[in-house]
């Protein structure tokens, strides 16, 4: 587990941009058990690809005309309970951080694993998410 004071700026990079920080399994369940609407969940991380590709790409995508009803984030290595619960909803995909999941009406409809993020640019990630938003939101 990472010290919260070290990860706070990385978390704020998304929460200051309108993402709801989910800190407990109950908060994750409350958001993801809804059977109507769309939810984007970003599994945030301290790694370089989260800082250089994931967070900037997600923020760019959140400027799209069509957006999920809820933008949320959990932080791997910090909010263990919340991350584990979010990953339950992301099955059958294996645990991956960072990762990005889009849910529609309670179903996982689009997912970017670390290997989709790590080798891509923020622009490519944003373009991928914008296409998913246009299709599902």
N, C-alpha and C. Protein backbone atom coordinates (compact mmCIF):
# COMPACT_ATOMS: atom_id res chain seq x y z
N UNK A 1 0.84 -1.18 0.00
CA UNK A 1 0.00 0.00 0.00
C UNK A 1 0.89 1.25 0.00
N UNK A 2 0.49 2.20 -0.79
CA UNK A 2 1.24 3.45 -0.90
C UNK A 2 0.74 4.45 0.14
N UNK A 3 1.65 5.27 0.68
CA UNK A 3 1.20 6.33 1.60
C UNK A 3 0.28 7.32 0.87
N UNK A 4 -0.84 7.60 1.50
CA UNK A 4 -1.85 8.45 0.87
C UNK A 4 -1.31 9.83 0.52
N UNK A 5 -0.42 10.36 1.36
CA UNK A 5 0.10 11.71 1.07
C UNK A 5 0.93 11.74 -0.22
N UNK A 6 1.48 10.61 -0.62
CA UNK A 6 2.24 10.57 -1.87
C UNK A 6 1.34 10.41 -3.09
N UNK A 7 0.20 9.76 -2.90
CA UNK A 7 -0.69 9.50 -4.03
C UNK A 7 -1.79 10.54 -4.20
N UNK A 8 -1.97 11.39 -3.20
CA UNK A 8 -3.04 12.39 -3.25
C UNK A 8 -3.00 13.24 -4.53
N UNK A 9 -1.84 13.74 -4.96
CA UNK A 9 -1.83 14.54 -6.20
C UNK A 9 -2.26 13.72 -7.42
N UNK A 10 -1.93 12.43 -7.45
CA UNK A 10 -2.32 11.57 -8.57
C UNK A 10 -3.82 11.31 -8.56
N UNK A 11 -4.38 11.20 -7.37
CA UNK A 11 -5.83 11.02 -7.25
C UNK A 11 -6.55 12.31 -7.63
N UNK A 12 -6.04 13.43 -7.15
CA UNK A 12 -6.65 14.73 -7.43
C UNK A 12 -6.60 15.07 -8.91
N UNK A 13 -5.65 14.47 -9.63
CA UNK A 13 -5.56 14.69 -11.07
C UNK A 13 -6.88 14.32 -11.75
N UNK A 14 -7.60 13.34 -11.19
CA UNK A 14 -8.91 12.97 -11.73
C UNK A 14 -10.06 13.57 -10.93
N UNK A 15 -9.98 13.55 -9.60
CA UNK A 15 -11.11 14.06 -8.81
C UNK A 15 -11.30 15.57 -9.00
N UNK A 16 -10.22 16.29 -9.22
CA UNK A 16 -10.34 17.72 -9.51
C UNK A 16 -10.93 17.96 -10.90
N UNK A 17 -11.00 16.92 -11.69
CA UNK A 17 -11.52 17.00 -13.06
C UNK A 17 -12.95 16.47 -13.14
N UNK A 18 -13.57 16.23 -11.98
CA UNK A 18 -14.96 15.81 -11.96
C UNK A 18 -15.21 14.34 -11.72
N UNK A 19 -14.15 13.57 -11.51
CA UNK A 19 -14.32 12.15 -11.22
C UNK A 19 -14.61 11.96 -9.74
N UNK A 20 -15.53 11.06 -9.46
CA UNK A 20 -15.89 10.74 -8.08
C UNK A 20 -14.91 9.69 -7.57
N UNK A 21 -14.19 10.00 -6.49
CA UNK A 21 -13.27 9.04 -5.89
C UNK A 21 -14.04 8.06 -5.02
N UNK A 22 -13.99 6.79 -5.37
CA UNK A 22 -14.68 5.75 -4.61
C UNK A 22 -13.68 5.12 -3.66
N UNK A 23 -13.97 5.16 -2.35
CA UNK A 23 -13.01 4.74 -1.34
C UNK A 23 -13.36 3.43 -0.66
N UNK A 24 -14.57 2.94 -0.83
CA UNK A 24 -14.99 1.72 -0.14
C UNK A 24 -15.73 0.79 -1.09
N UNK A 25 -15.83 -0.46 -0.70
CA UNK A 25 -16.57 -1.41 -1.53
C UNK A 25 -18.05 -1.02 -1.61
N UNK A 26 -18.58 -0.43 -0.55
CA UNK A 26 -19.97 0.02 -0.55
C UNK A 26 -20.19 1.12 -1.58
N UNK A 27 -19.27 2.07 -1.66
CA UNK A 27 -19.40 3.15 -2.64
C UNK A 27 -19.33 2.59 -4.07
N UNK A 28 -18.43 1.65 -4.29
CA UNK A 28 -18.32 1.03 -5.62
C UNK A 28 -19.62 0.30 -5.96
N UNK A 29 -20.11 -0.49 -5.02
CA UNK A 29 -21.36 -1.23 -5.26
C UNK A 29 -22.52 -0.30 -5.54
N UNK A 30 -22.60 0.79 -4.80
CA UNK A 30 -23.70 1.75 -5.00
C UNK A 30 -23.68 2.31 -6.42
N UNK A 31 -22.50 2.62 -6.92
CA UNK A 31 -22.39 3.19 -8.26
C UNK A 31 -22.58 2.13 -9.34
N UNK A 32 -21.99 0.96 -9.17
CA UNK A 32 -21.99 -0.04 -10.24
C UNK A 32 -23.18 -1.00 -10.22
N UNK A 33 -23.95 -1.02 -9.16
CA UNK A 33 -25.14 -1.87 -9.13
C UNK A 33 -26.34 -1.23 -9.81
N UNK A 34 -26.22 0.01 -10.23
CA UNK A 34 -27.32 0.67 -10.93
C UNK A 34 -27.54 -0.02 -12.27
N UNK A 35 -28.78 -0.28 -12.58
CA UNK A 35 -29.12 -1.00 -13.81
C UNK A 35 -29.52 -0.07 -14.94
N UNK A 36 -29.40 1.24 -14.72
CA UNK A 36 -29.70 2.22 -15.76
C UNK A 36 -28.57 3.23 -15.82
N UNK A 37 -28.24 3.64 -17.03
CA UNK A 37 -27.23 4.67 -17.22
C UNK A 37 -25.84 4.11 -17.48
N UNK A 38 -24.90 5.02 -17.62
CA UNK A 38 -23.52 4.65 -17.94
C UNK A 38 -22.57 5.16 -16.86
N UNK A 39 -21.54 4.37 -16.62
CA UNK A 39 -20.53 4.69 -15.61
C UNK A 39 -19.15 4.37 -16.18
N UNK A 40 -18.23 5.31 -16.07
CA UNK A 40 -16.84 5.07 -16.40
C UNK A 40 -16.06 4.95 -15.11
N UNK A 41 -15.30 3.86 -14.96
CA UNK A 41 -14.46 3.67 -13.78
C UNK A 41 -13.01 3.56 -14.22
N UNK A 42 -12.17 4.42 -13.68
CA UNK A 42 -10.75 4.40 -13.95
C UNK A 42 -10.05 3.80 -12.73
N UNK A 43 -9.31 2.71 -12.94
CA UNK A 43 -8.45 2.18 -11.89
C UNK A 43 -7.14 2.94 -12.03
N UNK A 44 -6.95 3.91 -11.16
CA UNK A 44 -5.79 4.79 -11.17
C UNK A 44 -4.59 4.05 -10.58
N UNK A 45 -3.41 4.56 -10.86
CA UNK A 45 -2.18 3.88 -10.43
C UNK A 45 -1.05 4.89 -10.32
N UNK A 46 0.02 4.49 -9.64
CA UNK A 46 1.20 5.35 -9.50
C UNK A 46 2.17 5.19 -10.66
N UNK A 47 1.95 4.26 -11.54
CA UNK A 47 2.91 3.95 -12.61
C UNK A 47 2.99 5.09 -13.63
N UNK A 48 4.05 5.07 -14.39
CA UNK A 48 4.28 6.10 -15.39
C UNK A 48 3.24 6.12 -16.48
N UNK A 49 2.72 4.94 -16.86
CA UNK A 49 1.71 4.95 -17.93
C UNK A 49 0.39 5.54 -17.44
N UNK A 50 0.13 5.50 -16.14
CA UNK A 50 -1.06 6.17 -15.61
C UNK A 50 -0.88 7.68 -15.72
N UNK A 51 0.31 8.15 -15.37
CA UNK A 51 0.58 9.58 -15.39
C UNK A 51 0.70 10.13 -16.80
N UNK A 52 1.37 9.38 -17.68
CA UNK A 52 1.64 9.89 -19.02
C UNK A 52 0.58 9.60 -20.05
N UNK A 53 -0.19 8.53 -19.84
CA UNK A 53 -1.13 8.10 -20.87
C UNK A 53 -2.57 8.03 -20.36
N UNK A 54 -2.78 7.32 -19.27
CA UNK A 54 -4.14 7.03 -18.80
C UNK A 54 -4.87 8.28 -18.33
N UNK A 55 -4.36 8.93 -17.31
CA UNK A 55 -5.07 10.10 -16.78
C UNK A 55 -5.23 11.20 -17.83
N UNK A 56 -4.18 11.55 -18.58
CA UNK A 56 -4.40 12.58 -19.62
C UNK A 56 -5.40 12.13 -20.68
N UNK A 57 -5.37 10.87 -21.08
CA UNK A 57 -6.31 10.38 -22.09
C UNK A 57 -7.74 10.41 -21.60
N UNK A 58 -7.94 10.01 -20.36
CA UNK A 58 -9.29 10.01 -19.78
C UNK A 58 -9.81 11.44 -19.67
N UNK A 59 -8.95 12.35 -19.26
CA UNK A 59 -9.39 13.74 -19.14
C UNK A 59 -9.73 14.33 -20.51
N UNK A 60 -8.95 14.00 -21.54
CA UNK A 60 -9.27 14.47 -22.89
C UNK A 60 -10.61 13.89 -23.35
N UNK A 61 -10.83 12.61 -23.09
CA UNK A 61 -12.08 11.96 -23.50
C UNK A 61 -13.28 12.57 -22.79
N UNK A 62 -13.07 13.07 -21.57
CA UNK A 62 -14.19 13.63 -20.82
C UNK A 62 -14.64 14.99 -21.37
N UNK A 63 -14.01 15.44 -22.44
CA UNK A 63 -14.43 16.67 -23.13
C UNK A 63 -15.34 16.34 -24.32
N UNK A 64 -15.63 15.05 -24.51
CA UNK A 64 -16.49 14.60 -25.61
C UNK A 64 -17.92 15.12 -25.44
N UNK A 65 -18.65 15.21 -26.54
CA UNK A 65 -20.05 15.65 -26.48
C UNK A 65 -20.90 14.66 -25.69
N UNK A 66 -20.72 13.36 -25.94
CA UNK A 66 -21.44 12.33 -25.21
C UNK A 66 -20.53 11.81 -24.11
N UNK A 67 -21.07 11.75 -22.89
CA UNK A 67 -20.28 11.31 -21.74
C UNK A 67 -21.08 10.32 -20.90
N UNK A 68 -20.37 9.49 -20.15
CA UNK A 68 -21.06 8.64 -19.18
C UNK A 68 -21.79 9.49 -18.14
N UNK A 69 -22.83 8.92 -17.55
CA UNK A 69 -23.57 9.63 -16.51
C UNK A 69 -22.72 9.85 -15.27
N UNK A 70 -21.84 8.89 -14.99
CA UNK A 70 -20.98 8.96 -13.80
C UNK A 70 -19.54 8.72 -14.23
N UNK A 71 -18.64 9.58 -13.77
CA UNK A 71 -17.20 9.39 -13.92
C UNK A 71 -16.66 9.07 -12.54
N UNK A 72 -16.00 7.93 -12.40
CA UNK A 72 -15.53 7.50 -11.09
C UNK A 72 -14.11 6.95 -11.19
N UNK A 73 -13.44 6.88 -10.04
CA UNK A 73 -12.09 6.34 -9.99
C UNK A 73 -11.85 5.63 -8.67
N UNK A 74 -11.05 4.59 -8.74
CA UNK A 74 -10.52 3.90 -7.56
C UNK A 74 -9.00 3.89 -7.73
N UNK A 75 -8.27 3.81 -6.63
CA UNK A 75 -6.81 3.92 -6.72
C UNK A 75 -6.14 2.64 -6.25
N UNK A 76 -5.50 1.94 -7.19
CA UNK A 76 -4.79 0.70 -6.88
C UNK A 76 -3.63 0.99 -5.94
N UNK A 77 -3.44 0.14 -4.96
CA UNK A 77 -2.36 0.32 -4.00
C UNK A 77 -2.69 1.30 -2.89
N UNK A 78 -3.90 1.84 -2.92
CA UNK A 78 -4.33 2.79 -1.89
C UNK A 78 -5.67 2.35 -1.31
N UNK A 79 -6.67 2.24 -2.17
CA UNK A 79 -8.03 1.91 -1.74
C UNK A 79 -8.32 0.44 -2.08
N UNK A 80 -7.66 -0.46 -1.36
CA UNK A 80 -7.68 -1.89 -1.69
C UNK A 80 -9.10 -2.44 -1.76
N UNK A 81 -9.92 -2.15 -0.78
CA UNK A 81 -11.29 -2.66 -0.72
C UNK A 81 -12.10 -2.19 -1.92
N UNK A 82 -12.00 -0.92 -2.24
CA UNK A 82 -12.75 -0.35 -3.38
C UNK A 82 -12.24 -0.94 -4.70
N UNK A 83 -10.94 -1.07 -4.84
CA UNK A 83 -10.37 -1.61 -6.08
C UNK A 83 -10.80 -3.06 -6.26
N UNK A 84 -10.73 -3.85 -5.20
CA UNK A 84 -11.13 -5.26 -5.30
C UNK A 84 -12.59 -5.40 -5.70
N UNK A 85 -13.45 -4.56 -5.15
CA UNK A 85 -14.87 -4.61 -5.50
C UNK A 85 -15.07 -4.18 -6.96
N UNK A 86 -14.38 -3.13 -7.39
CA UNK A 86 -14.50 -2.69 -8.79
C UNK A 86 -14.04 -3.80 -9.72
N UNK A 87 -12.97 -4.48 -9.36
CA UNK A 87 -12.46 -5.56 -10.20
C UNK A 87 -13.43 -6.73 -10.27
N UNK A 88 -14.22 -6.95 -9.23
CA UNK A 88 -15.27 -7.97 -9.29
C UNK A 88 -16.25 -7.66 -10.44
N UNK A 89 -16.56 -6.38 -10.61
CA UNK A 89 -17.48 -5.97 -11.67
C UNK A 89 -16.82 -6.05 -13.04
N UNK A 90 -15.49 -6.05 -13.08
CA UNK A 90 -14.75 -6.03 -14.34
C UNK A 90 -14.40 -7.42 -14.86
N UNK A 91 -14.82 -8.45 -14.15
CA UNK A 91 -14.57 -9.81 -14.63
C UNK A 91 -15.27 -10.01 -15.96
N UNK A 92 -14.72 -10.76 -16.88
CA UNK A 92 -13.67 -11.76 -16.72
C UNK A 92 -12.26 -11.24 -16.92
N UNK A 93 -12.09 -9.92 -17.00
CA UNK A 93 -10.75 -9.37 -17.20
C UNK A 93 -9.93 -9.55 -15.92
N UNK A 94 -8.65 -9.89 -16.06
CA UNK A 94 -7.80 -10.01 -14.88
C UNK A 94 -7.48 -8.64 -14.29
N UNK A 95 -7.08 -8.58 -13.02
CA UNK A 95 -6.70 -7.30 -12.41
C UNK A 95 -5.64 -6.59 -13.25
N UNK A 96 -5.86 -5.31 -13.44
CA UNK A 96 -4.97 -4.51 -14.27
C UNK A 96 -5.00 -3.08 -13.77
N UNK A 97 -3.82 -2.51 -13.57
CA UNK A 97 -3.77 -1.10 -13.22
C UNK A 97 -2.61 -0.44 -13.94
N UNK A 98 -2.92 0.65 -14.59
CA UNK A 98 -4.24 1.25 -14.67
C UNK A 98 -5.14 0.46 -15.63
N UNK A 99 -6.42 0.75 -15.54
CA UNK A 99 -7.39 0.21 -16.47
C UNK A 99 -8.60 1.13 -16.48
N UNK A 100 -9.42 0.96 -17.51
CA UNK A 100 -10.57 1.85 -17.69
C UNK A 100 -11.76 0.99 -18.12
N UNK A 101 -12.87 1.09 -17.39
CA UNK A 101 -14.04 0.28 -17.67
C UNK A 101 -15.26 1.17 -17.88
N UNK A 102 -16.03 0.86 -18.92
CA UNK A 102 -17.28 1.55 -19.18
C UNK A 102 -18.42 0.56 -18.99
N UNK A 103 -19.38 0.94 -18.17
CA UNK A 103 -20.56 0.12 -17.89
C UNK A 103 -21.80 0.82 -18.44
N UNK A 104 -22.71 0.01 -18.99
CA UNK A 104 -24.00 0.54 -19.43
C UNK A 104 -25.08 -0.36 -18.87
N UNK A 105 -26.03 0.26 -18.17
CA UNK A 105 -27.15 -0.48 -17.58
C UNK A 105 -26.67 -1.67 -16.75
N UNK A 106 -25.58 -1.46 -16.02
CA UNK A 106 -25.05 -2.50 -15.13
C UNK A 106 -24.15 -3.52 -15.78
N UNK A 107 -23.90 -3.39 -17.09
CA UNK A 107 -23.06 -4.35 -17.80
C UNK A 107 -21.77 -3.71 -18.29
N UNK A 108 -20.68 -4.45 -18.18
CA UNK A 108 -19.40 -3.99 -18.71
C UNK A 108 -19.45 -4.06 -20.23
N UNK A 109 -19.27 -2.90 -20.90
CA UNK A 109 -19.40 -2.86 -22.35
C UNK A 109 -18.10 -2.48 -23.06
N UNK A 110 -17.12 -1.94 -22.34
CA UNK A 110 -15.85 -1.52 -22.96
C UNK A 110 -14.79 -1.54 -21.88
N UNK A 111 -13.61 -2.06 -22.22
CA UNK A 111 -12.56 -2.18 -21.21
C UNK A 111 -11.19 -1.98 -21.83
N UNK A 112 -10.38 -1.16 -21.20
CA UNK A 112 -8.98 -0.98 -21.59
C UNK A 112 -8.11 -1.50 -20.47
N UNK A 113 -7.32 -2.52 -20.79
CA UNK A 113 -6.38 -3.07 -19.82
C UNK A 113 -5.07 -2.30 -19.90
N UNK A 114 -4.20 -2.58 -18.95
CA UNK A 114 -2.90 -1.91 -18.90
C UNK A 114 -2.17 -2.02 -20.24
N UNK A 115 -2.20 -3.18 -20.87
CA UNK A 115 -1.46 -3.34 -22.12
C UNK A 115 -2.06 -2.51 -23.25
N UNK A 116 -3.30 -2.07 -23.14
CA UNK A 116 -3.89 -1.15 -24.11
C UNK A 116 -3.45 0.29 -23.82
N UNK A 117 -3.08 0.55 -22.58
CA UNK A 117 -2.72 1.90 -22.14
C UNK A 117 -1.22 2.13 -22.23
N UNK A 118 -0.45 1.18 -21.76
CA UNK A 118 0.99 1.32 -21.61
C UNK A 118 1.70 1.70 -22.90
N UNK A 119 1.34 1.10 -24.02
CA UNK A 119 2.04 1.37 -25.26
C UNK A 119 1.38 2.41 -26.14
N UNK A 120 0.34 3.05 -25.64
CA UNK A 120 -0.40 4.02 -26.43
C UNK A 120 -0.18 5.44 -25.94
N UNK A 121 -0.57 6.38 -26.76
CA UNK A 121 -0.50 7.79 -26.37
C UNK A 121 -1.81 8.18 -25.69
N UNK A 122 -1.77 9.28 -24.99
CA UNK A 122 -2.98 9.82 -24.38
C UNK A 122 -4.02 10.13 -25.45
N UNK A 123 -3.58 10.63 -26.60
CA UNK A 123 -4.51 10.93 -27.69
C UNK A 123 -5.21 9.67 -28.19
N UNK A 124 -4.47 8.57 -28.31
CA UNK A 124 -5.06 7.31 -28.78
C UNK A 124 -6.06 6.77 -27.76
N UNK A 125 -5.74 6.88 -26.49
CA UNK A 125 -6.65 6.43 -25.43
C UNK A 125 -7.91 7.28 -25.45
N UNK A 126 -7.74 8.59 -25.58
CA UNK A 126 -8.90 9.48 -25.65
C UNK A 126 -9.78 9.15 -26.85
N UNK A 127 -9.17 8.90 -28.00
CA UNK A 127 -9.94 8.57 -29.20
C UNK A 127 -10.71 7.27 -29.00
N UNK A 128 -10.08 6.28 -28.39
CA UNK A 128 -10.73 5.00 -28.12
C UNK A 128 -11.95 5.21 -27.21
N UNK A 129 -11.76 5.97 -26.15
CA UNK A 129 -12.85 6.22 -25.20
C UNK A 129 -13.97 7.04 -25.83
N UNK A 130 -13.61 8.02 -26.63
CA UNK A 130 -14.64 8.84 -27.28
C UNK A 130 -15.51 7.99 -28.19
N UNK A 131 -14.91 7.04 -28.91
CA UNK A 131 -15.70 6.13 -29.75
C UNK A 131 -16.65 5.30 -28.89
N UNK A 132 -16.15 4.84 -27.73
CA UNK A 132 -17.01 4.06 -26.83
C UNK A 132 -18.13 4.93 -26.26
N UNK A 133 -17.81 6.17 -25.90
CA UNK A 133 -18.84 7.09 -25.38
C UNK A 133 -19.91 7.33 -26.44
N UNK A 134 -19.48 7.58 -27.68
CA UNK A 134 -20.44 7.83 -28.75
C UNK A 134 -21.33 6.63 -28.99
N UNK A 135 -20.81 5.44 -28.81
CA UNK A 135 -21.58 4.22 -29.05
C UNK A 135 -22.52 3.89 -27.90
N UNK A 136 -22.06 4.06 -26.65
CA UNK A 136 -22.81 3.55 -25.50
C UNK A 136 -23.50 4.61 -24.63
N UNK A 137 -23.10 5.86 -24.77
CA UNK A 137 -23.65 6.90 -23.86
C UNK A 137 -24.75 7.71 -24.52
